[in-house]
C-alpha atoms as a PDB file:
ATOM      1  CA  MET A   1       4.226 114.143  56.179  1.00  0.00           C
ATOM      2  CA  THR A   2       4.874 114.743  59.812  1.00  0.00           C
ATOM      3  CA  VAL A   3       6.653 117.907  60.862  1.00  0.00           C
ATOM      4  CA  SER A   4       8.334 119.063  64.058  1.00  0.00           C
ATOM      5  CA  CYS A   5      10.123 122.120  64.886  1.00  0.00           C
ATOM      6  CA  GLY A   6      13.011 122.932  67.413  1.00  0.00           C
ATOM      7  CA  VAL A   7      14.346 126.109  68.209  1.00  0.00           C
ATOM      8  CA  ASN A   8      16.478 126.563  65.211  1.00  0.00           C
ATOM      9  CA  HIS A   9      15.959 123.218  63.510  1.00  0.00           C
ATOM     10  CA  THR A  10      13.308 121.253  61.942  1.00  0.00           C
ATOM     11  CA  ALA A  11      12.400 117.375  61.223  1.00  0.00           C
ATOM     12  CA  ALA A  12      10.024 115.829  58.833  1.00  0.00           C
ATOM     13  CA  ILE A  13       8.971 112.489  57.723  1.00  0.00           C
ATOM     14  CA  ASP A  14       7.871 111.725  54.311  1.00  0.00           C
ATOM     15  CA  ARG A  15       5.461 109.385  53.020  1.00  0.00           C
ATOM     16  CA  ASN A  16       8.036 106.709  53.066  1.00  0.00           C
ATOM     17  CA  GLY A  17       8.978 106.786  56.519  1.00  0.00           C
ATOM     18  CA  LYS A  18      12.313 108.792  56.338  1.00  0.00           C
ATOM     19  CA  ILE A  19      13.322 111.499  58.363  1.00  0.00           C
ATOM     20  CA  TYR A  20      14.702 114.773  56.615  1.00  0.00           C
ATOM     21  CA  THR A  21      16.346 117.345  59.027  1.00  0.00           C
ATOM     22  CA  PHE A  22      17.441 121.095  58.467  1.00  0.00           C
ATOM     23  CA  GLY A  23      18.380 124.080  60.391  1.00  0.00           C
ATOM     24  CA  ASN A  24      21.028 124.866  62.953  1.00  0.00           C
ATOM     25  CA  GLY A  25      23.239 121.746  63.507  1.00  0.00           C
ATOM     26  CA  ALA A  26      24.995 122.566  66.567  1.00  0.00           C
ATOM     27  CA  ASP A  27      25.097 119.596  69.318  1.00  0.00           C
ATOM     28  CA  GLY A  28      24.006 117.104  66.626  1.00  0.00           C
ATOM     29  CA  ARG A  29      20.414 117.615  66.735  1.00  0.00           C
ATOM     30  CA  LEU A  30      20.281 117.244  62.894  1.00  0.00           C
ATOM     31  CA  GLY A  31      21.614 113.631  63.231  1.00  0.00           C
ATOM     32  CA  LEU A  32      23.739 113.930  60.236  1.00  0.00           C
ATOM     33  CA  ASP A  33      27.108 112.825  61.858  1.00  0.00           C
ATOM     34  CA  SER A  34      28.245 116.348  62.034  1.00  0.00           C
ATOM     35  CA  LEU A  35      27.777 119.731  63.833  1.00  0.00           C
ATOM     36  CA  GLY A  36      27.444 121.363  60.670  1.00  0.00           C
ATOM     37  CA  SER A  37      24.096 123.448  59.792  1.00  0.00           C
ATOM     38  CA  LYS A  38      21.859 122.726  56.811  1.00  0.00           C
ATOM     39  CA  ILE A  39      19.889 125.202  54.411  1.00  0.00           C
ATOM     40  CA  GLU A  40      17.990 121.886  52.551  1.00  0.00           C
ATOM     41  CA  PRO A  41      16.469 119.158  54.012  1.00  0.00           C
ATOM     42  CA  CYS A  42      18.995 115.844  54.547  1.00  0.00           C
ATOM     43  CA  GLU A  43      18.112 112.433  55.032  1.00  0.00           C
ATOM     44  CA  VAL A  44      18.943 110.741  58.555  1.00  0.00           C
ATOM     45  CA  GLN A  45      20.396 107.445  57.930  1.00  0.00           C
ATOM     46  CA  HIS A  46      22.728 105.422  59.971  1.00  0.00           C
ATOM     47  CA  GLU A  47      20.284 103.217  62.250  1.00  0.00           C
ATOM     48  CA  LEU A  48      17.591 104.886  60.836  1.00  0.00           C
ATOM     49  CA  ALA A  49      18.451 104.031  57.206  1.00  0.00           C
ATOM     50  CA  THR A  50      16.482 100.953  56.796  1.00  0.00           C
ATOM     51  CA  LYS A  51      13.756 102.053  59.631  1.00  0.00           C
ATOM     52  CA  ARG A  52      10.164 103.296  58.735  1.00  0.00           C
ATOM     53  CA  CYS A  53       9.532 106.311  60.949  1.00  0.00           C
ATOM     54  CA  VAL A  54       5.828 107.355  62.004  1.00  0.00           C
ATOM     55  CA  ARG A  55       6.565 109.866  64.599  1.00  0.00           C
ATOM     56  CA  VAL A  56       9.405 112.833  65.072  1.00  0.00           C
ATOM     57  CA  ALA A  57       9.530 115.486  67.848  1.00  0.00           C
ATOM     58  CA  CYS A  58      12.074 118.143  68.240  1.00  0.00           C
ATOM     59  CA  GLY A  59      13.293 119.580  71.669  1.00  0.00           C
ATOM     60  CA  TRP A  60      15.270 122.789  72.355  1.00  0.00           C
ATOM     61  CA  ALA A  61      18.477 121.061  70.842  1.00  0.00           C
ATOM     62  CA  HIS A  62      17.439 117.396  70.564  1.00  0.00           C
ATOM     63  CA  THR A  63      15.328 115.170  68.356  1.00  0.00           C
ATOM     64  CA  VAL A  64      13.607 112.043  68.825  1.00  0.00           C
ATOM     65  CA  ALA A  65      12.172 109.647  66.385  1.00  0.00           C
ATOM     66  CA  LEU A  66       9.604 106.586  66.508  1.00  0.00           C
ATOM     67  CA  GLU A  67       9.792 103.881  64.166  1.00  0.00           C
ATOM     68  CA  GLU A  68       6.881 101.592  63.157  1.00  0.00           C
ATOM     69  CA  LYS A  69       7.667  98.886  65.283  1.00  0.00           C
ATOM     70  CA  GLY A  70       7.584 101.186  68.438  1.00  0.00           C
ATOM     71  CA  LYS A  71      11.279 101.692  68.949  1.00  0.00           C
ATOM     72  CA  VAL A  72      12.469 105.032  70.101  1.00  0.00           C
ATOM     73  CA  TYR A  73      15.846 106.884  68.622  1.00  0.00           C
ATOM     74  CA  THR A  74      17.271 110.258  69.649  1.00  0.00           C
ATOM     75  CA  TRP A  75      20.141 112.290  69.029  1.00  0.00           C
ATOM     76  CA  GLY A  76      21.492 115.867  69.635  1.00  0.00           C
ATOM     77  CA  SER A  77      22.177 117.514  72.908  1.00  0.00           C
ATOM     78  CA  ASN A  78      22.331 115.556  76.101  1.00  0.00           C
ATOM     79  CA  SER A  79      23.087 117.832  78.623  1.00  0.00           C
ATOM     80  CA  PHE A  80      20.565 116.821  81.180  1.00  0.00           C
ATOM     81  CA  GLY A  81      20.163 113.204  80.001  1.00  0.00           C
ATOM     82  CA  GLN A  82      17.427 114.051  77.387  1.00  0.00           C
ATOM     83  CA  LEU A  83      18.446 111.303  75.182  1.00  0.00           C
ATOM     84  CA  GLY A  84      17.703 108.522  77.344  1.00  0.00           C
ATOM     85  CA  GLN A  85      20.909 106.608  76.674  1.00  0.00           C
ATOM     86  CA  GLY A  86      22.167 106.475  80.300  1.00  0.00           C
ATOM     87  CA  SER A  87      26.067 105.524  81.145  1.00  0.00           C
ATOM     88  CA  MET A  88      28.027 103.817  83.488  1.00  0.00           C
ATOM     89  CA  ASP A  89      29.463 106.321  85.284  1.00  0.00           C
ATOM     90  CA  ASN A  90      26.036 108.130  85.397  1.00  0.00           C
ATOM     91  CA  LYS A  91      27.188 111.201  83.762  1.00  0.00           C
ATOM     92  CA  PRO A  92      25.214 112.410  80.513  1.00  0.00           C
ATOM     93  CA  SER A  93      27.477 112.446  77.400  1.00  0.00           C
ATOM     94  CA  SER A  94      27.633 115.705  75.733  1.00  0.00           C
ATOM     95  CA  THR A  95      26.072 115.195  72.355  1.00  0.00           C
ATOM     96  CA  SER A  96      25.200 112.417  69.864  1.00  0.00           C
ATOM     97  CA  VAL A  97      25.414 113.204  66.220  1.00  0.00           C
ATOM     98  CA  VAL A  98      23.676 109.997  64.765  1.00  0.00           C
ATOM     99  CA  PRO A  99      20.617 108.246  65.916  1.00  0.00           C
ATOM    100  CA  GLN A 100      20.996 105.831  68.807  1.00  0.00           C
ATOM    101  CA  GLN A 101      18.322 103.377  69.991  1.00  0.00           C
ATOM    102  CA  VAL A 102      16.795 104.377  73.680  1.00  0.00           C
ATOM    103  CA  LEU A 103      17.104 100.724  74.947  1.00  0.00           C
ATOM    104  CA  ARG A 104      16.971 101.022  78.841  1.00  0.00           C
ATOM    105  CA  PHE A 105      13.363 101.290  79.407  1.00  0.00           C
ATOM    106  CA  PRO A 106      12.389  99.759  82.763  1.00  0.00           C
ATOM    107  CA  ALA A 107      10.051  97.110  81.245  1.00  0.00           C
ATOM    108  CA  LYS A 108      10.759  94.413  78.808  1.00  0.00           C
ATOM    109  CA  GLY A 109       8.886  94.385  75.225  1.00  0.00           C
ATOM    110  CA  VAL A 110       7.885  97.956  75.672  1.00  0.00           C
ATOM    111  CA  LYS A 111       6.230  99.327  72.283  1.00  0.00           C
ATOM    112  CA  ILE A 112       5.886 103.253  72.256  1.00  0.00           C
ATOM    113  CA  MET A 113       3.045 104.575  70.095  1.00  0.00           C
ATOM    114  CA  THR A 114       4.003 108.265  70.431  1.00  0.00           C
ATOM    115  CA  ILE A 115       6.622 110.899  71.752  1.00  0.00           C
ATOM    116  CA  SER A 116       7.029 114.316  72.969  1.00  0.00           C
ATOM    117  CA  CYS A 117       9.825 116.792  73.764  1.00  0.00           C
ATOM    118  CA  GLY A 118      10.179 119.614  76.032  1.00  0.00           C
ATOM    119  CA  ALA A 119      13.086 122.059  76.114  1.00  0.00           C
ATOM    120  CA  TRP A 120      15.502 119.404  77.984  1.00  0.00           C
ATOM    121  CA  HIS A 121      13.114 116.305  78.705  1.00  0.00           C
ATOM    122  CA  THR A 122      11.521 113.681  76.636  1.00  0.00           C
ATOM    123  CA  MET A 123       8.159 111.748  77.315  1.00  0.00           C
ATOM    124  CA  ALA A 124       7.009 108.371  75.492  1.00  0.00           C
ATOM    125  CA  LEU A 125       3.786 106.741  75.747  1.00  0.00           C
ATOM    126  CA  SER A 126       3.240 102.886  75.183  1.00  0.00           C
ATOM    127  CA  GLU A 127       0.501 101.268  73.600  1.00  0.00           C
ATOM    128  CA  GLN A 128      -0.527  99.739  76.908  1.00  0.00           C
ATOM    129  CA  GLY A 129      -0.868 103.164  78.328  1.00  0.00           C
ATOM    130  CA  ALA A 130       2.303 103.644  80.302  1.00  0.00           C
ATOM    131  CA  VAL A 131       4.091 106.769  80.477  1.00  0.00           C
ATOM    132  CA  PHE A 132       7.914 107.262  80.488  1.00  0.00           C
ATOM    133  CA  SER A 133      10.141 110.222  81.086  1.00  0.00           C
ATOM    134  CA  TRP A 134      13.833 110.984  80.938  1.00  0.00           C
ATOM    135  CA  GLY A 135      16.031 114.303  80.857  1.00  0.00           C
ATOM    136  CA  GLY A 136      16.262 117.521  82.887  1.00  0.00           C
ATOM    137  CA  GLY A 137      13.529 117.425  85.866  1.00  0.00           C
ATOM    138  CA  ALA A 138      14.396 120.525  87.520  1.00  0.00           C
ATOM    139  CA  TYR A 139      10.954 121.695  87.698  1.00  0.00           C
ATOM    140  CA  GLY A 140       9.388 118.290  88.245  1.00  0.00           C
ATOM    141  CA  GLN A 141       8.391 118.244  84.477  1.00  0.00           C
ATOM    142  CA  LEU A 142       9.439 114.344  84.382  1.00  0.00           C
ATOM    143  CA  GLY A 143       6.611 113.536  87.359  1.00  0.00           C
ATOM    144  CA  LEU A 144       8.823 111.246  89.058  1.00  0.00           C
ATOM    145  CA  GLY A 145       8.177 112.954  92.662  1.00  0.00           C
ATOM    146  CA  ASP A 146      11.688 114.959  92.791  1.00  0.00           C
ATOM    147  CA  VAL A 147      13.709 117.553  90.468  1.00  0.00           C
ATOM    148  CA  LEU A 148      16.244 115.431  89.588  1.00  0.00           C
ATOM    149  CA  SER A 149      17.420 114.522  86.074  1.00  0.00           C
ATOM    150  CA  SER A 150      16.765 111.010  84.750  1.00  0.00           C
ATOM    151  CA  LEU A 151      19.489 109.406  81.980  1.00  0.00           C
ATOM    152  CA  SER A 152      17.299 106.454  81.283  1.00  0.00           C
ATOM    153  CA  PRO A 153      13.516 105.990  80.590  1.00  0.00           C
ATOM    154  CA  ALA A 154      11.590 105.953  84.207  1.00  0.00           C
ATOM    155  CA  LEU A 155       8.213 104.855  84.539  1.00  0.00           C
ATOM    156  CA  VAL A 156       5.802 107.931  85.362  1.00  0.00           C
ATOM    157  CA  LYS A 157       3.200 106.467  88.153  1.00  0.00           C
ATOM    158  CA  PHE A 158      -0.556 106.863  86.944  1.00  0.00           C
ATOM    159  CA  ASN A 159      -3.487 104.860  88.220  1.00  0.00           C
ATOM    160  CA  LYS A 160      -4.959 105.122  84.806  1.00  0.00           C
ATOM    161  CA  SER A 161      -4.343 104.017  81.325  1.00  0.00           C
ATOM    162  CA  VAL A 162      -2.921 107.133  79.465  1.00  0.00           C
ATOM    163  CA  LEU A 163      -4.283 108.222  76.200  1.00  0.00           C
ATOM    164  CA  ALA A 164      -1.915 111.238  75.188  1.00  0.00           C
ATOM    165  CA  ILE A 165       0.757 113.109  76.319  1.00  0.00           C
ATOM    166  CA  ALA A 166       2.210 116.720  75.879  1.00  0.00           C
ATOM    167  CA  CYS A 167       5.557 118.211  77.013  1.00  0.00           C
ATOM    168  CA  GLY A 168       5.736 122.102  77.540  1.00  0.00           C
ATOM    169  CA  VAL A 169       9.257 123.967  77.748  1.00  0.00           C
ATOM    170  CA  TRP A 170       9.389 123.281  81.523  1.00  0.00           C
ATOM    171  CA  HIS A 171       6.021 121.165  82.254  1.00  0.00           C
ATOM    172  CA  SER A 172       4.057 118.171  80.824  1.00  0.00           C
ATOM    173  CA  LEU A 173       0.671 117.148  80.659  1.00  0.00           C
ATOM    174  CA  ALA A 174      -1.180 113.925  80.330  1.00  0.00           C
ATOM    175  CA  LEU A 175      -4.971 112.577  79.391  1.00  0.00           C
ATOM    176  CA  THR A 176      -6.094 109.411  80.722  1.00  0.00           C
ATOM    177  CA  ASP A 177      -8.965 107.134  80.225  1.00  0.00           C
ATOM    178  CA  GLU A 178     -11.075 106.847  82.978  1.00  0.00           C
ATOM    179  CA  GLY A 179     -13.045 103.998  81.748  1.00  0.00           C
ATOM    180  CA  VAL A 180     -16.358 105.414  82.117  1.00  0.00           C
ATOM    181  CA  VAL A 181     -18.428 106.663  79.443  1.00  0.00           C
ATOM    182  CA  GLY A 182     -18.667 110.574  79.752  1.00  0.00           C
ATOM    183  CA  GLN A 183     -15.734 110.485  81.924  1.00  0.00           C
ATOM    184  CA  THR A 184     -12.865 109.659  79.636  1.00  0.00           C
ATOM    185  CA  GLY A 185     -10.413 112.519  79.039  1.00  0.00           C
ATOM    186  CA  VAL A 186      -9.007 113.606  82.482  1.00  0.00           C
ATOM    187  CA  VAL A 187      -6.132 115.802  82.441  1.00  0.00           C
ATOM    188  CA  TRP A 188      -3.203 115.828  84.592  1.00  0.00           C
ATOM    189  CA  ALA A 189      -0.143 118.151  84.924  1.00  0.00           C
ATOM    190  CA  PHE A 190       3.254 118.111  86.661  1.00  0.00           C
ATOM    191  CA  GLY A 191       6.393 120.418  86.420  1.00  0.00           C
ATOM    192  CA  ARG A 192       6.774 124.114  86.442  1.00  0.00           C
ATOM    193  CA  GLY A 193       3.802 126.010  87.465  1.00  0.00           C
ATOM    194  CA  SER A 194       4.881 129.990  88.014  1.00  0.00           C
ATOM    195  CA  GLY A 195       2.831 131.129  85.223  1.00  0.00           C
ATOM    196  CA  GLY A 196      -0.121 129.070  86.337  1.00  0.00           C
ATOM    197  CA  GLU A 197       0.607 126.552  83.262  1.00  0.00           C
ATOM    198  CA  LEU A 198      -0.592 123.513  85.220  1.00  0.00           C
ATOM    199  CA  GLY A 199      -4.099 125.007  85.646  1.00  0.00           C
ATOM    200  CA  LEU A 200      -4.151 123.592  89.222  1.00  0.00           C
ATOM    201  CA  GLY A 201      -5.238 126.894  90.831  1.00  0.00           C
ATOM    202  CA  ASP A 202      -1.767 128.300  91.851  1.00  0.00           C
ATOM    203  CA  PHE A 203       1.553 128.957  90.682  1.00  0.00           C
ATOM    204  CA  GLU A 204       3.187 126.304  92.277  1.00  0.00           C
ATOM    205  CA  CYS A 205       5.492 123.484  90.755  1.00  0.00           C
ATOM    206  CA  ARG A 206       4.068 119.742  91.193  1.00  0.00           C
ATOM    207  CA  PHE A 207       6.625 116.629  91.025  1.00  0.00           C
ATOM    208  CA  VAL A 208       3.954 113.834  90.328  1.00  0.00           C
ATOM    209  CA  PRO A 209       1.065 113.770  87.975  1.00  0.00           C
ATOM    210  CA  THR A 210      -1.993 115.927  89.370  1.00  0.00           C
ATOM    211  CA  VAL A 211      -5.532 116.126  88.628  1.00  0.00           C
ATOM    212  CA  ILE A 212      -6.686 119.332  86.852  1.00  0.00           C
ATOM    213  CA  LYS A 213     -10.057 119.820  88.164  1.00  0.00           C
ATOM    214  CA  GLY A 214     -12.188 123.249  88.422  1.00  0.00           C
ATOM    215  CA  THR A 215     -13.781 124.236  84.952  1.00  0.00           C
ATOM    216  CA  LEU A 216     -12.400 120.961  83.441  1.00  0.00           C
ATOM    217  CA  LEU A 217     -14.242 118.901  86.068  1.00  0.00           C
ATOM    218  CA  GLY A 218     -17.007 116.706  84.094  1.00  0.00           C
ATOM    219  CA  GLU A 219     -15.595 117.854  80.641  1.00  0.00           C
ATOM    220  CA  ARG A 220     -14.621 114.953  78.150  1.00  0.00           C
ATOM    221  CA  VAL A 221     -11.220 115.972  76.928  1.00  0.00           C
ATOM    222  CA  MET A 222     -10.061 114.726  73.718  1.00  0.00           C
ATOM    223  CA  ARG A 223      -6.580 116.736  72.853  1.00  0.00           C
ATOM    224  CA  ILE A 224      -4.242 118.332  75.181  1.00  0.00           C
ATOM    225  CA  SER A 225      -1.160 120.880  74.399  1.00  0.00           C
ATOM    226  CA  ALA A 226       1.632 122.238  76.111  1.00  0.00           C
ATOM    227  CA  GLY A 227       3.414 125.238  75.258  1.00  0.00           C
ATOM    228  CA  GLY A 228       6.018 127.846  76.465  1.00  0.00           C
ATOM    229  CA  TRP A 229       4.043 129.115  79.456  1.00  0.00           C
ATOM    230  CA  ASN A 230       0.410 127.809  78.475  1.00  0.00           C
ATOM    231  CA  SER A 231      -1.569 124.917  78.113  1.00  0.00           C
ATOM    232  CA  ALA A 232      -4.671 124.158  76.320  1.00  0.00           C
ATOM    233  CA  ALA A 233      -7.542 121.566  76.034  1.00  0.00           C
ATOM    234  CA  LEU A 234      -9.971 120.451  73.587  1.00  0.00           C
ATOM    235  CA  THR A 235     -13.085 118.759  74.535  1.00  0.00           C
ATOM    236  CA  ASP A 236     -15.393 116.458  72.543  1.00  0.00           C
ATOM    237  CA  LYS A 237     -18.157 119.387  72.015  1.00  0.00           C
ATOM    238  CA  GLY A 238     -15.435 121.272  70.313  1.00  0.00           C
ATOM    239  CA  HIS A 239     -14.747 123.546  73.201  1.00  0.00           C
ATOM    240  CA  VAL A 240     -11.193 125.102  73.767  1.00  0.00           C
ATOM    241  CA  PHE A 241      -9.870 125.572  77.303  1.00  0.00           C
ATOM    242  CA  VAL A 242      -6.768 127.448  77.906  1.00  0.00           C
ATOM    243  CA  TRP A 243      -4.570 128.444  80.914  1.00  0.00           C
ATOM    244  CA  GLY A 244      -1.131 129.846  82.015  1.00  0.00           C
ATOM    245  CA  HIS A 245       0.498 133.190  80.927  1.00  0.00           C
ATOM    246  CA  ASN A 246      -1.338 136.069  79.424  1.00  0.00           C
ATOM    247  CA  GLN A 247       1.327 138.544  78.705  1.00  0.00           C
ATOM    248  CA  TYR A 248       0.380 138.295  75.063  1.00  0.00           C
ATOM    249  CA  SER A 249      -3.102 137.823  75.332  1.00  0.00           C
ATOM    250  CA  GLN A 250      -2.737 134.103  74.609  1.00  0.00           C
ATOM    251  CA  LEU A 251      -5.917 133.486  76.751  1.00  0.00           C
ATOM    252  CA  ALA A 252      -7.982 135.372  74.470  1.00  0.00           C
ATOM    253  CA  ALA A 253      -9.679 137.246  77.483  1.00  0.00           C
ATOM    254  CA  SER A 254      -9.174 140.771  77.476  1.00  0.00           C
ATOM    255  CA  ALA A 255     -10.833 141.246  80.711  1.00  0.00           C
ATOM    256  CA  LEU A 256      -7.548 139.550  82.315  1.00  0.00           C
ATOM    257  CA  ALA A 257      -5.356 142.456  80.884  1.00  0.00           C
ATOM    258  CA  ASN A 258      -2.010 140.687  81.193  1.00  0.00           C
ATOM    259  CA  LYS A 259      -3.042 138.378  84.084  1.00  0.00           C
ATOM    260  CA  PRO A 260      -2.299 135.054  83.890  1.00  0.00           C
ATOM    261  CA  SER A 261      -4.737 132.224  84.957  1.00  0.00           C
ATOM    262  CA  PRO A 262      -3.821 129.087  87.016  1.00  0.00           C
ATOM    263  CA  GLU A 263      -7.036 127.709  86.105  1.00  0.00           C
ATOM    264  CA  PRO A 264      -8.650 126.634  82.664  1.00  0.00           C
ATOM    265  CA  ARG A 265     -10.795 129.370  80.905  1.00  0.00           C
ATOM    266  CA  LYS A 266     -13.171 128.495  77.994  1.00  0.00           C
ATOM    267  CA  ILE A 267     -12.744 130.313  75.204  1.00  0.00           C
ATOM    268  CA  GLU A 268     -16.288 131.731  74.477  1.00  0.00           C
ATOM    269  CA  THR A 269     -15.611 133.286  71.263  1.00  0.00           C
ATOM    270  CA  LEU A 270     -14.731 129.559  69.752  1.00  0.00           C
ATOM    271  CA  GLN A 271     -17.662 127.776  70.955  1.00  0.00           C
ATOM    272  CA  MET A 272     -19.503 127.703  67.830  1.00  0.00           C
ATOM    273  CA  MET A 273     -16.544 127.014  65.633  1.00  0.00           C
ATOM    274  CA  ASP A 274     -16.523 123.327  66.264  1.00  0.00           C
ATOM    275  CA  ALA A 275     -12.755 122.774  66.968  1.00  0.00           C
ATOM    276  CA  SER A 276     -11.203 119.570  66.030  1.00  0.00           C
ATOM    277  CA  GLY A 277      -7.128 120.258  66.906  1.00  0.00           C
ATOM    278  CA  VAL A 278      -5.241 122.989  69.348  1.00  0.00           C
ATOM    279  CA  SER A 279      -1.866 123.845  69.755  1.00  0.00           C
ATOM    280  CA  CYS A 280       0.482 125.952  71.737  1.00  0.00           C
ATOM    281  CA  GLY A 281       3.333 127.937  70.961  1.00  0.00           C
ATOM    282  CA  PRO A 282       5.756 129.972  73.472  1.00  0.00           C
ATOM    283  CA  ALA A 283       3.404 132.892  73.504  1.00  0.00           C
ATOM    284  CA  HIS A 284       0.823 132.125  70.773  1.00  0.00           C
ATOM    285  CA  MET A 285      -2.214 129.671  70.136  1.00  0.00           C
ATOM    286  CA  ALA A 286      -3.635 128.114  67.146  1.00  0.00           C
ATOM    287  CA  VAL A 287      -6.969 126.122  66.617  1.00  0.00           C
ATOM    288  CA  VAL A 288      -8.196 124.376  63.719  1.00  0.00           C
ATOM    289  CA  THR A 289     -12.201 123.479  63.063  1.00  0.00           C
ATOM    290  CA  LYS A 290     -13.372 120.405  61.562  1.00  0.00           C
ATOM    291  CA  ASP A 291     -13.893 122.331  58.106  1.00  0.00           C
ATOM    292  CA  GLY A 292     -10.596 123.319  57.769  1.00  0.00           C
ATOM    293  CA  ARG A 293     -10.558 126.916  59.300  1.00  0.00           C
ATOM    294  CA  LEU A 294      -7.529 127.563  61.309  1.00  0.00           C
ATOM    295  CA  TYR A 295      -7.687 130.353  64.039  1.00  0.00           C
ATOM    296  CA  THR A 296      -4.847 132.018  65.854  1.00  0.00           C
ATOM    297  CA  TRP A 297      -3.859 134.709  68.442  1.00  0.00           C
ATOM    298  CA  GLY A 298      -1.575 135.708  70.871  1.00  0.00           C
ATOM    299  CA  ARG A 299       1.790 137.211  70.088  1.00  0.00           C
ATOM    300  CA  GLY A 300       2.160 138.329  66.911  1.00  0.00           C
ATOM    301  CA  ASP A 301       5.198 140.478  66.538  1.00  0.00           C
ATOM    302  CA  ARG A 302       7.123 138.250  64.276  1.00  0.00           C
ATOM    303  CA  GLY A 303       4.277 137.503  61.808  1.00  0.00           C
ATOM    304  CA  GLN A 304       3.578 134.171  63.739  1.00  0.00           C
ATOM    305  CA  LEU A 305      -0.599 134.674  63.799  1.00  0.00           C
ATOM    306  CA  GLY A 306      -0.421 134.873  59.776  1.00  0.00           C
ATOM    307  CA  HIS A 307      -3.012 137.514  59.954  1.00  0.00           C
ATOM    308  CA  GLY A 308      -1.145 139.802  57.527  1.00  0.00           C
ATOM    309  CA  LEU A 309      -0.129 142.236  60.324  1.00  0.00           C
ATOM    310  CA  VAL A 310       2.742 142.442  62.648  1.00  0.00           C
ATOM    311  CA  VAL A 311       1.116 143.171  66.036  1.00  0.00           C
ATOM    312  CA  ASP A 312       2.523 143.040  69.689  1.00  0.00           C
ATOM    313  CA  LYS A 313      -0.650 140.637  70.737  1.00  0.00           C
ATOM    314  CA  GLU A 314      -4.162 139.762  69.613  1.00  0.00           C
ATOM    315  CA  SER A 315      -6.622 138.776  72.278  1.00  0.00           C
ATOM    316  CA  VAL A 316      -9.206 137.469  69.691  1.00  0.00           C
ATOM    317  CA  PRO A 317      -9.184 134.379  67.762  1.00  0.00           C
ATOM    318  CA  ARG A 318      -8.767 135.298  64.075  1.00  0.00           C
ATOM    319  CA  LEU A 319      -9.333 133.425  60.842  1.00  0.00           C
ATOM    320  CA  VAL A 320      -6.095 132.874  58.953  1.00  0.00           C
ATOM    321  CA  LYS A 321      -6.490 133.362  55.247  1.00  0.00           C
ATOM    322  CA  ALA A 322      -4.639 131.847  52.479  1.00  0.00           C
ATOM    323  CA  GLY A 323      -4.225 132.806  48.646  1.00  0.00           C
ATOM    324  CA  GLU A 324      -5.975 129.962  46.583  1.00  0.00           C
ATOM    325  CA  GLU A 325      -4.274 128.707  43.308  1.00  0.00           C
ATOM    326  CA  ASP A 326      -6.286 130.013  40.184  1.00  0.00           C
ATOM    327  CA  GLU A 327      -6.527 127.929  36.971  1.00  0.00           C
ATOM    328  CA  ASN A 328      -3.242 129.150  35.866  1.00  0.00           C
ATOM    329  CA  GLY A 329      -1.605 128.058  39.170  1.00  0.00           C
ATOM    330  CA  GLY A 330      -1.228 131.492  40.480  1.00  0.00           C
ATOM    331  CA  GLY A 331      -1.965 132.787  43.443  1.00  0.00           C
ATOM    332  CA  GLY A 332      -5.209 134.687  43.925  1.00  0.00           C
ATOM    333  CA  SER A 333      -6.869 136.831  46.423  1.00  0.00           C
ATOM    334  CA  LEU A 334      -6.725 136.128  50.118  1.00  0.00           C
ATOM    335  CA  ARG A 335      -9.505 133.613  51.413  1.00  0.00           C
ATOM    336  CA  LEU A 336      -9.854 130.599  53.074  1.00  0.00           C
ATOM    337  CA  VAL A 337      -8.061 127.603  51.717  1.00  0.00           C
ATOM    338  CA  SER A 338      -9.986 125.407  49.710  1.00  0.00           C
ATOM    339  CA  ARG A 339      -8.969 122.132  51.398  1.00  0.00           C
ATOM    340  CA  PRO A 340      -9.382 121.370  55.117  1.00  0.00           C
ATOM    341  CA  ILE A 341      -6.398 121.282  57.212  1.00  0.00           C
ATOM    342  CA  GLN A 342      -6.319 117.693  58.646  1.00  0.00           C
ATOM    343  CA  TRP A 343      -3.492 117.720  61.225  1.00  0.00           C
ATOM    344  CA  LEU A 344      -2.102 120.909  63.470  1.00  0.00           C
ATOM    345  CA  LEU A 345       1.158 120.474  64.796  1.00  0.00           C
ATOM    346  CA  THR A 346       3.654 122.872  66.234  1.00  0.00           C
ATOM    347  CA  SER A 347       6.299 122.869  69.024  1.00  0.00           C
ATOM    348  CA  PRO A 348       6.168 124.980  72.232  1.00  0.00           C
ATOM    349  CA  TRP A 349       8.998 127.441  70.975  1.00  0.00           C
ATOM    350  CA  ILE A 350       7.735 128.008  67.415  1.00  0.00           C
END
């Protein structure tokens, strides 16, 4: 199952490729042909009724789905053109309560292989390694060279094939294949940089994709994640780099106090953990290791760290423990889950 969370809604794909949504239905973000909220999962139908979906992503108030043939469908709020539907009068419609296919890609025969949502922008990556963006661009998060919104998918210019994309609330990341052994996995950033979330050594915005150098130079990055005011990268050696805001110790560096870091910093305490996945929330972070252990840190005042305590912030990555079922199916004492976690997915605002 694939799951994605927006601010107040959730979308999930079952084993048959069907999408179910629940939560706040304002702006049509649930795709159920109404503005009503749902407290239980409901299947999204209409144009998706006969489709098998493989990816789903939630924005602040919109939802994006990718079906197995590489077609993209969107619904929900379209206040900044984040649905990518365009219009003849060049103005975004307010909402779409049912899925609609995104048709206006700037090239014919585009097959999308993955999608990502920011708060009010959307990105898609084709199987040819091309990136398309649309929606709100106030901070340059579309990577199109300006701060304008785009009502339809527009090509983001890279001189390399792109392997992965990640949307934060107001910034974006991309991972490129340099075509040289040992040099694959270069990270690019664009959009808002006021919190250091771009990792470019300053607090300025970037309107076009810009390579992150500094401590990442020479590293082979395999995974990227963009959060609210933070970003993270995972290397082939299992090392985790983070940058951006540090108000809630999300950089796992107590020496920084509350100071942000506009440059990637390696989390030394995770070096021997053999990390295999990393994900950013709005102000907390999570890492999963190859043996299935989950570590979290950062903001914890709503219990989002899963440590059994409500704390304002946690600067040290700590193991999340869970109750393991006993032979009678009941909960046992708190300890590491018995089965490895295979995939970790969160959204920038969870």
